Amino acid sequence: MSDTLLLAPLAEPIHLDEVRAHLRAPSGQPGQDAAIRRMIAAARRRVESWCRRALVRQQRLYVLDCFPAEIEIPVGPLRAVQSIQYVDTAGATQTLAASAYRVDTYSERARI
């Protein structure tokens, strides 16, 4: 299985001003602000990796080697499934009808 981030978060879960106030760092220093933004993003990614949960909305692509009866989504929470596609025996890409599967977003680990 591969997991690819398609659309990165548009905003971080904590604002630059909050971090700057916590660090008691003065405002108006572009170099320092850029470094703090990088630290915020790195901290978010670390927490998401450790908890296996997305802290902010993002779009991901999961690719599986086979078509199991149940697909457990490794990173939650799951908000929606855009589509399920597969390659048929003729080598053509097909899209599975939404009526052919159920999405469980209520469990701790979302399942399809």
C-alpha atoms as a PDB file:
ATOM      1  CA  MET A   1       0.000   0.000   0.000  1.00  0.00           C
ATOM      2  CA  SER A   2       1.162   3.521  -0.693  1.00  0.00           C
ATOM      3  CA  ASP A   3      -0.162   6.704   0.865  1.00  0.00           C
ATOM      4  CA  THR A   4       0.408   9.979  -0.981  1.00  0.00           C
ATOM      5  CA  LEU A   5      -0.548  13.461   0.153  1.00  0.00           C
ATOM      6  CA  LEU A   6      -2.360  15.084  -2.802  1.00  0.00           C
ATOM      7  CA  LEU A   7      -3.496  18.359  -1.266  1.00  0.00           C
ATOM      8  CA  ALA A   8      -1.500  19.712   1.638  1.00  0.00           C
ATOM      9  CA  PRO A   9      -3.270  21.507   4.478  1.00  0.00           C
ATOM     10  CA  LEU A  10      -4.205  25.085   3.638  1.00  0.00           C
ATOM     11  CA  ALA A  11      -3.498  26.259   7.192  1.00  0.00           C
ATOM     12  CA  GLU A  12      -1.726  24.955  10.264  1.00  0.00           C
ATOM     13  CA  PRO A  13      -3.627  24.045  13.453  1.00  0.00           C
ATOM     14  CA  ILE A  14      -1.859  26.791  15.409  1.00  0.00           C
ATOM     15  CA  HIS A  15      -1.305  30.381  14.316  1.00  0.00           C
ATOM     16  CA  LEU A  16       2.089  32.041  14.009  1.00  0.00           C
ATOM     17  CA  ASP A  17       1.095  34.759  16.502  1.00  0.00           C
ATOM     18  CA  GLU A  18       0.269  32.150  19.166  1.00  0.00           C
ATOM     19  CA  VAL A  19       3.655  30.480  18.775  1.00  0.00           C
ATOM     20  CA  ARG A  20       5.468  33.796  18.669  1.00  0.00           C
ATOM     21  CA  ALA A  21       3.734  34.849  21.914  1.00  0.00           C
ATOM     22  CA  HIS A  22       4.589  31.520  23.548  1.00  0.00           C
ATOM     23  CA  LEU A  23       8.245  31.891  22.547  1.00  0.00           C
ATOM     24  CA  ARG A  24       8.234  35.566  23.529  1.00  0.00           C
ATOM     25  CA  ALA A  25       9.667  36.296  20.080  1.00  0.00           C
ATOM     26  CA  PRO A  26       9.316  39.834  18.730  1.00  0.00           C
ATOM     27  CA  SER A  27       7.199  40.387  15.607  1.00  0.00           C
ATOM     28  CA  GLY A  28       8.412  41.958  12.386  1.00  0.00           C
ATOM     29  CA  GLN A  29      11.363  39.632  11.810  1.00  0.00           C
ATOM     30  CA  PRO A  30      10.678  37.820   8.495  1.00  0.00           C
ATOM     31  CA  GLY A  31      13.556  35.347   8.870  1.00  0.00           C
ATOM     32  CA  GLN A  32      12.449  34.334  12.340  1.00  0.00           C
ATOM     33  CA  ASP A  33       8.782  34.075  11.254  1.00  0.00           C
ATOM     34  CA  ALA A  34       9.757  31.768   8.377  1.00  0.00           C
ATOM     35  CA  ALA A  35      11.701  29.539  10.772  1.00  0.00           C
ATOM     36  CA  ILE A  36       8.768  29.416  13.203  1.00  0.00           C
ATOM     37  CA  ARG A  37       6.371  28.497  10.351  1.00  0.00           C
ATOM     38  CA  ARG A  38       8.675  25.624   9.349  1.00  0.00           C
ATOM     39  CA  MET A  39       8.757  24.427  12.967  1.00  0.00           C
ATOM     40  CA  ILE A  40       4.947  24.570  13.202  1.00  0.00           C
ATOM     41  CA  ALA A  41       4.596  22.476  10.023  1.00  0.00           C
ATOM     42  CA  ALA A  42       7.253  20.001  11.180  1.00  0.00           C
ATOM     43  CA  ALA A  43       5.583  19.626  14.578  1.00  0.00           C
ATOM     44  CA  ARG A  44       2.173  19.029  12.930  1.00  0.00           C
ATOM     45  CA  ARG A  45       3.621  16.380  10.604  1.00  0.00           C
ATOM     46  CA  ARG A  46       5.349  14.657  13.542  1.00  0.00           C
ATOM     47  CA  VAL A  47       2.174  14.553  15.629  1.00  0.00           C
ATOM     48  CA  GLU A  48       0.127  13.321  12.638  1.00  0.00           C
ATOM     49  CA  SER A  49       2.667  10.564  11.976  1.00  0.00           C
ATOM     50  CA  TRP A  50       2.789   9.506  15.605  1.00  0.00           C
ATOM     51  CA  CYS A  51      -0.997   9.607  16.159  1.00  0.00           C
ATOM     52  CA  ARG A  52      -1.935   8.447  12.637  1.00  0.00           C
ATOM     53  CA  ARG A  53      -4.485  11.262  12.548  1.00  0.00           C
ATOM     54  CA  ALA A  54      -4.744  14.347  10.357  1.00  0.00           C
ATOM     55  CA  LEU A  55      -4.915  17.479  12.496  1.00  0.00           C
ATOM     56  CA  VAL A  56      -6.111  19.625   9.584  1.00  0.00           C
ATOM     57  CA  ARG A  57      -8.061  18.844   6.421  1.00  0.00           C
ATOM     58  CA  GLN A  58      -5.999  17.283   3.622  1.00  0.00           C
ATOM     59  CA  GLN A  59      -6.534  15.101   0.572  1.00  0.00           C
ATOM     60  CA  ARG A  60      -4.760  11.748   0.269  1.00  0.00           C
ATOM     61  CA  LEU A  61      -4.405   8.968  -2.325  1.00  0.00           C
ATOM     62  CA  TYR A  62      -4.194   5.328  -1.232  1.00  0.00           C
ATOM     63  CA  VAL A  63      -2.995   2.707  -3.678  1.00  0.00           C
ATOM     64  CA  LEU A  64      -3.420  -0.981  -2.845  1.00  0.00           C
ATOM     65  CA  ASP A  65      -1.875  -4.031  -4.518  1.00  0.00           C
ATOM     66  CA  CYS A  66      -5.121  -5.991  -4.320  1.00  0.00           C
ATOM     67  CA  PHE A  67      -8.825  -5.404  -3.794  1.00  0.00           C
ATOM     68  CA  PRO A  68      -9.609  -6.645  -0.260  1.00  0.00           C
ATOM     69  CA  ALA A  69     -13.125  -7.137   1.100  1.00  0.00           C
ATOM     70  CA  GLU A  70     -12.479  -4.338   3.611  1.00  0.00           C
ATOM     71  CA  ILE A  71     -10.118  -1.381   3.321  1.00  0.00           C
ATOM     72  CA  GLU A  72      -8.937   0.163   6.599  1.00  0.00           C
ATOM     73  CA  ILE A  73      -7.891   3.771   6.163  1.00  0.00           C
ATOM     74  CA  PRO A  74      -4.543   4.263   7.952  1.00  0.00           C
ATOM     75  CA  VAL A  75      -4.922   8.003   8.678  1.00  0.00           C
ATOM     76  CA  GLY A  76      -8.098   9.454  10.150  1.00  0.00           C
ATOM     77  CA  PRO A  77     -10.484  10.996  10.481  1.00  0.00           C
ATOM     78  CA  LEU A  78     -12.049  10.193   7.130  1.00  0.00           C
ATOM     79  CA  ARG A  79     -14.444  12.878   5.890  1.00  0.00           C
ATOM     80  CA  ALA A  80     -15.308  11.513   2.438  1.00  0.00           C
ATOM     81  CA  VAL A  81     -14.279   9.079  -0.276  1.00  0.00           C
ATOM     82  CA  GLN A  82     -13.921  10.850  -3.616  1.00  0.00           C
ATOM     83  CA  SER A  83     -13.737   7.652  -5.711  1.00  0.00           C
ATOM     84  CA  ILE A  84     -12.510   4.084  -5.799  1.00  0.00           C
ATOM     85  CA  GLN A  85     -10.751   3.089  -8.982  1.00  0.00           C
ATOM     86  CA  TYR A  86      -9.258  -0.212 -10.061  1.00  0.00           C
ATOM     87  CA  VAL A  87      -7.543  -1.733 -13.070  1.00  0.00           C
ATOM     88  CA  ASP A  88      -9.605  -4.503 -14.663  1.00  0.00           C
ATOM     89  CA  THR A  89      -8.258  -7.668 -16.314  1.00  0.00           C
ATOM     90  CA  ALA A  90      -8.053  -5.867 -19.677  1.00  0.00           C
ATOM     91  CA  GLY A  91      -5.808  -3.216 -18.120  1.00  0.00           C
ATOM     92  CA  ALA A  92      -8.417  -0.436 -18.228  1.00  0.00           C
ATOM     93  CA  THR A  93      -9.031   1.825 -15.244  1.00  0.00           C
ATOM     94  CA  GLN A  94     -12.572   1.532 -13.905  1.00  0.00           C
ATOM     95  CA  THR A  95     -14.404   3.552 -11.237  1.00  0.00           C
ATOM     96  CA  LEU A  96     -16.433   1.590  -8.715  1.00  0.00           C
ATOM     97  CA  ALA A  97     -19.983   2.894  -8.301  1.00  0.00           C
ATOM     98  CA  ALA A  98     -20.562   4.557  -4.926  1.00  0.00           C
ATOM     99  CA  SER A  99     -23.567   2.265  -4.429  1.00  0.00           C
ATOM    100  CA  ALA A 100     -21.209  -0.759  -4.521  1.00  0.00           C
ATOM    101  CA  TYR A 101     -19.446   0.075  -1.242  1.00  0.00           C
ATOM    102  CA  ARG A 102     -20.146   1.521   2.209  1.00  0.00           C
ATOM    103  CA  VAL A 103     -17.967   3.992   4.068  1.00  0.00           C
ATOM    104  CA  ASP A 104     -17.667   3.705   7.869  1.00  0.00           C
ATOM    105  CA  THR A 105     -16.507   7.055   9.210  1.00  0.00           C
ATOM    106  CA  TYR A 106     -17.718   6.388  12.760  1.00  0.00           C
ATOM    107  CA  SER A 107     -15.130   3.806  13.824  1.00  0.00           C
ATOM    108  CA  GLU A 108     -11.777   4.858  15.248  1.00  0.00           C
ATOM    109  CA  ARG A 109     -10.212   3.521  12.052  1.00  0.00           C
ATOM    110  CA  ALA A 110     -12.417   4.384   9.093  1.00  0.00           C
ATOM    111  CA  ARG A 111     -13.233   1.501   6.781  1.00  0.00           C
ATOM    112  CA  ILE A 112     -14.568   1.019   3.281  1.00  0.00           C
END
